[in-house]
Amino acid sequence: MLKKLIHIIFLPCSEATLLMEKRNADDISPKENWKLNLHLKICKWCRAYKEKLEILDDILKRKLSQEKEIKINDSEIQGFKEKVFKNLDI
């Protein structure tokens, strides 16, 4: 009963999920962080949401870092050089 009362009055799930998103963006105050940590201790559903959020964020970060890396192999460089020389008539 006490968990339910704290859950409803202190920090509802709707606010907890918002604070989790803010925490990932490093835009959370110490007070909000404290409230969120307390909520996560009593709410198994929000803990599960937090785990899934962390997995998705990790996947997205890896995907974005892979897209930033541009890999060009030697055959592509040679092909580019040949096209340039052909257009320059050298």
N, C-alpha and C. Protein backbone atom coordinates (compact mmCIF):
# COMPACT_ATOMS: atom_id res chain seq x y z
N MET A 1 0.82 -1.20 0.00
CA MET A 1 0.00 0.00 0.00
C MET A 1 0.87 1.27 0.00
N LEU A 2 1.92 1.25 0.81
CA LEU A 2 2.81 2.40 0.89
C LEU A 2 3.49 2.65 -0.46
N LYS A 3 3.93 1.57 -1.12
CA LYS A 3 4.57 1.71 -2.43
C LYS A 3 3.62 2.37 -3.43
N LYS A 4 2.37 1.93 -3.41
CA LYS A 4 1.38 2.46 -4.33
C LYS A 4 1.12 3.94 -4.08
N LEU A 5 1.05 4.31 -2.82
CA LEU A 5 0.80 5.69 -2.45
C LEU A 5 1.98 6.58 -2.87
N ILE A 6 3.19 6.13 -2.59
CA ILE A 6 4.38 6.88 -3.00
C ILE A 6 4.44 6.98 -4.52
N HIS A 7 4.10 5.88 -5.16
CA HIS A 7 4.13 5.79 -6.61
C HIS A 7 3.20 6.83 -7.25
N ILE A 8 2.02 6.96 -6.71
CA ILE A 8 1.02 7.86 -7.29
C ILE A 8 1.29 9.31 -6.92
N ILE A 9 1.58 9.57 -5.66
CA ILE A 9 1.73 10.95 -5.18
C ILE A 9 3.11 11.52 -5.51
N PHE A 10 4.15 10.75 -5.25
CA PHE A 10 5.51 11.27 -5.34
C PHE A 10 5.97 11.45 -6.78
N LEU A 11 5.85 10.41 -7.58
CA LEU A 11 6.29 10.49 -8.97
C LEU A 11 5.56 9.42 -9.79
N PRO A 12 4.58 9.81 -10.58
CA PRO A 12 3.88 8.82 -11.41
C PRO A 12 4.76 8.32 -12.56
N CYS A 13 4.39 7.19 -13.12
CA CYS A 13 5.17 6.57 -14.20
C CYS A 13 5.32 7.50 -15.40
N SER A 14 4.29 8.25 -15.70
CA SER A 14 4.37 9.15 -16.85
C SER A 14 5.50 10.16 -16.69
N GLU A 15 5.68 10.67 -15.48
CA GLU A 15 6.78 11.61 -15.24
C GLU A 15 8.11 10.87 -15.18
N ALA A 16 8.11 9.65 -14.65
CA ALA A 16 9.36 8.88 -14.53
C ALA A 16 9.94 8.58 -15.91
N THR A 17 9.10 8.22 -16.86
CA THR A 17 9.60 7.93 -18.20
C THR A 17 10.16 9.19 -18.86
N LEU A 18 9.51 10.32 -18.62
CA LEU A 18 10.02 11.60 -19.13
C LEU A 18 11.39 11.91 -18.52
N LEU A 19 11.53 11.68 -17.22
CA LEU A 19 12.81 11.94 -16.55
C LEU A 19 13.90 10.99 -17.05
N MET A 20 13.53 9.77 -17.40
CA MET A 20 14.53 8.85 -17.96
C MET A 20 15.07 9.38 -19.28
N GLU A 21 14.17 9.93 -20.09
CA GLU A 21 14.59 10.51 -21.37
C GLU A 21 15.47 11.74 -21.13
N LYS A 22 15.09 12.56 -20.15
CA LYS A 22 15.91 13.73 -19.82
C LYS A 22 17.28 13.31 -19.30
N ARG A 23 17.32 12.24 -18.53
CA ARG A 23 18.59 11.75 -17.99
C ARG A 23 19.51 11.32 -19.14
N ASN A 24 18.96 10.67 -20.14
CA ASN A 24 19.77 10.26 -21.30
C ASN A 24 20.31 11.46 -22.06
N ALA A 25 19.60 12.57 -22.01
CA ALA A 25 20.04 13.78 -22.69
C ALA A 25 20.91 14.65 -21.77
N ASP A 26 21.24 14.15 -20.59
CA ASP A 26 22.03 14.89 -19.59
C ASP A 26 21.39 16.23 -19.25
N ASP A 27 20.08 16.23 -19.12
CA ASP A 27 19.34 17.45 -18.85
C ASP A 27 18.45 17.27 -17.63
N ILE A 28 19.00 16.70 -16.55
CA ILE A 28 18.20 16.39 -15.38
C ILE A 28 18.85 17.01 -14.14
N SER A 29 18.01 17.58 -13.29
CA SER A 29 18.52 18.21 -12.07
C SER A 29 18.78 17.14 -11.01
N PRO A 30 19.57 17.45 -10.00
CA PRO A 30 19.82 16.48 -8.93
C PRO A 30 18.53 16.05 -8.22
N LYS A 31 17.60 16.98 -8.03
CA LYS A 31 16.33 16.64 -7.38
C LYS A 31 15.52 15.66 -8.24
N GLU A 32 15.46 15.93 -9.54
CA GLU A 32 14.73 15.03 -10.44
C GLU A 32 15.40 13.67 -10.48
N ASN A 33 16.72 13.65 -10.46
CA ASN A 33 17.46 12.40 -10.47
C ASN A 33 17.16 11.58 -9.22
N TRP A 34 17.09 12.26 -8.07
CA TRP A 34 16.78 11.59 -6.81
C TRP A 34 15.37 11.00 -6.84
N LYS A 35 14.41 11.79 -7.33
CA LYS A 35 13.03 11.31 -7.42
C LYS A 35 12.92 10.11 -8.37
N LEU A 36 13.64 10.19 -9.47
CA LEU A 36 13.61 9.10 -10.44
C LEU A 36 14.21 7.83 -9.84
N ASN A 37 15.34 7.96 -9.16
CA ASN A 37 15.96 6.79 -8.55
C ASN A 37 15.04 6.14 -7.52
N LEU A 38 14.35 6.96 -6.74
CA LEU A 38 13.40 6.43 -5.76
C LEU A 38 12.26 5.70 -6.47
N HIS A 39 11.75 6.29 -7.52
CA HIS A 39 10.67 5.67 -8.28
C HIS A 39 11.12 4.33 -8.87
N LEU A 40 12.32 4.29 -9.41
CA LEU A 40 12.83 3.06 -10.03
C LEU A 40 13.00 1.94 -9.00
N LYS A 41 13.23 2.30 -7.75
CA LYS A 41 13.36 1.28 -6.71
C LYS A 41 12.04 0.60 -6.40
N ILE A 42 10.93 1.33 -6.61
CA ILE A 42 9.63 0.75 -6.24
C ILE A 42 8.81 0.28 -7.44
N CYS A 43 9.19 0.67 -8.65
CA CYS A 43 8.36 0.35 -9.83
C CYS A 43 9.09 -0.59 -10.78
N LYS A 44 8.63 -1.82 -10.84
CA LYS A 44 9.28 -2.80 -11.71
C LYS A 44 9.03 -2.49 -13.19
N TRP A 45 7.91 -1.87 -13.50
CA TRP A 45 7.59 -1.57 -14.90
C TRP A 45 8.51 -0.48 -15.45
N CYS A 46 8.78 0.50 -14.64
CA CYS A 46 9.69 1.56 -15.09
C CYS A 46 11.13 1.08 -15.15
N ARG A 47 11.50 0.15 -14.27
CA ARG A 47 12.84 -0.45 -14.37
C ARG A 47 12.98 -1.20 -15.68
N ALA A 48 11.94 -1.92 -16.07
CA ALA A 48 11.96 -2.65 -17.35
C ALA A 48 12.04 -1.67 -18.52
N TYR A 49 11.30 -0.58 -18.42
CA TYR A 49 11.34 0.45 -19.47
C TYR A 49 12.75 1.03 -19.57
N LYS A 50 13.37 1.30 -18.43
CA LYS A 50 14.72 1.86 -18.38
C LYS A 50 15.72 0.93 -19.06
N GLU A 51 15.61 -0.37 -18.81
CA GLU A 51 16.52 -1.33 -19.43
C GLU A 51 16.36 -1.32 -20.95
N LYS A 52 15.12 -1.30 -21.41
CA LYS A 52 14.87 -1.29 -22.85
C LYS A 52 15.34 0.02 -23.48
N LEU A 53 15.16 1.12 -22.76
CA LEU A 53 15.62 2.41 -23.24
C LEU A 53 17.13 2.43 -23.39
N GLU A 54 17.84 1.85 -22.44
CA GLU A 54 19.31 1.80 -22.51
C GLU A 54 19.77 0.94 -23.69
N ILE A 55 19.08 -0.17 -23.94
CA ILE A 55 19.43 -1.04 -25.07
C ILE A 55 19.22 -0.29 -26.39
N LEU A 56 18.08 0.37 -26.52
CA LEU A 56 17.79 1.10 -27.75
C LEU A 56 18.77 2.26 -27.97
N ASP A 57 19.09 2.97 -26.90
CA ASP A 57 20.06 4.06 -27.04
C ASP A 57 21.42 3.54 -27.46
N ASP A 58 21.84 2.41 -26.91
CA ASP A 58 23.12 1.81 -27.28
C ASP A 58 23.13 1.42 -28.76
N ILE A 59 22.04 0.81 -29.21
CA ILE A 59 21.94 0.42 -30.63
C ILE A 59 22.00 1.65 -31.53
N LEU A 60 21.27 2.70 -31.18
CA LEU A 60 21.26 3.91 -31.99
C LEU A 60 22.62 4.59 -32.02
N LYS A 61 23.31 4.63 -30.88
CA LYS A 61 24.64 5.24 -30.84
C LYS A 61 25.62 4.46 -31.71
N ARG A 62 25.55 3.12 -31.65
CA ARG A 62 26.44 2.31 -32.49
C ARG A 62 26.13 2.53 -33.96
N LYS A 63 24.85 2.61 -34.31
CA LYS A 63 24.44 2.80 -35.70
C LYS A 63 24.93 4.16 -36.22
N LEU A 64 24.77 5.19 -35.40
CA LEU A 64 25.22 6.52 -35.82
C LEU A 64 26.73 6.58 -35.96
N SER A 65 27.47 5.92 -35.08
CA SER A 65 28.93 5.93 -35.19
C SER A 65 29.39 5.16 -36.43
N GLN A 66 28.67 4.12 -36.82
CA GLN A 66 29.02 3.36 -38.02
C GLN A 66 28.78 4.21 -39.27
N GLU A 67 27.72 5.00 -39.27
CA GLU A 67 27.42 5.83 -40.43
C GLU A 67 28.43 6.94 -40.60
N LYS A 68 29.03 7.41 -39.51
CA LYS A 68 30.03 8.47 -39.59
C LYS A 68 31.33 7.99 -40.19
N GLU A 69 31.62 6.71 -40.01
CA GLU A 69 32.86 6.16 -40.55
C GLU A 69 32.68 5.87 -42.04
N ILE A 70 33.45 6.55 -42.84
CA ILE A 70 33.38 6.33 -44.28
C ILE A 70 34.61 5.52 -44.67
N LYS A 71 34.36 4.36 -45.19
CA LYS A 71 35.46 3.49 -45.57
C LYS A 71 35.58 3.48 -47.09
N ILE A 72 36.77 3.83 -47.56
CA ILE A 72 37.04 3.83 -48.99
C ILE A 72 38.19 2.88 -49.23
N ASN A 73 37.97 1.91 -50.07
CA ASN A 73 39.05 0.95 -50.34
C ASN A 73 39.89 1.44 -51.53
N ASP A 74 41.02 0.77 -51.74
CA ASP A 74 41.98 1.19 -52.77
C ASP A 74 41.40 1.14 -54.18
N SER A 75 40.55 0.17 -54.46
CA SER A 75 39.98 0.07 -55.81
C SER A 75 39.06 1.25 -56.12
N GLU A 76 38.35 1.74 -55.10
CA GLU A 76 37.51 2.91 -55.31
C GLU A 76 38.36 4.15 -55.57
N ILE A 77 39.47 4.28 -54.87
CA ILE A 77 40.38 5.41 -55.07
C ILE A 77 40.97 5.35 -56.47
N GLN A 78 41.41 4.17 -56.88
CA GLN A 78 41.99 4.01 -58.22
C GLN A 78 40.95 4.32 -59.29
N GLY A 79 39.73 3.85 -59.10
CA GLY A 79 38.66 4.14 -60.06
C GLY A 79 38.38 5.62 -60.16
N PHE A 80 38.41 6.31 -59.03
CA PHE A 80 38.20 7.75 -59.02
C PHE A 80 39.32 8.47 -59.77
N LYS A 81 40.56 8.04 -59.53
CA LYS A 81 41.70 8.65 -60.22
C LYS A 81 41.58 8.46 -61.73
N GLU A 82 41.19 7.27 -62.15
CA GLU A 82 41.06 7.00 -63.59
C GLU A 82 39.98 7.88 -64.20
N LYS A 83 38.89 8.08 -63.53
CA LYS A 83 37.83 8.95 -64.04
C LYS A 83 38.31 10.39 -64.15
N VAL A 84 39.05 10.85 -63.16
CA VAL A 84 39.56 12.22 -63.18
C VAL A 84 40.53 12.39 -64.34
N PHE A 85 41.49 11.44 -64.49
CA PHE A 85 42.46 11.53 -65.58
C PHE A 85 41.77 11.46 -66.93
N LYS A 86 40.73 10.65 -67.04
CA LYS A 86 40.00 10.52 -68.31
C LYS A 86 39.33 11.85 -68.65
N ASN A 87 38.74 12.50 -67.64
CA ASN A 87 38.07 13.79 -67.87
C ASN A 87 39.06 14.91 -68.14
N LEU A 88 40.28 14.78 -67.63
CA LEU A 88 41.30 15.81 -67.86
C LEU A 88 42.08 15.57 -69.14
N ASP A 89 41.88 14.42 -69.76
CA ASP A 89 42.60 14.02 -70.98
C ASP A 89 44.11 13.98 -70.76
N ILE A 90 44.54 13.40 -69.66
CA ILE A 90 45.99 13.30 -69.37
C ILE A 90 46.48 11.93 -69.79
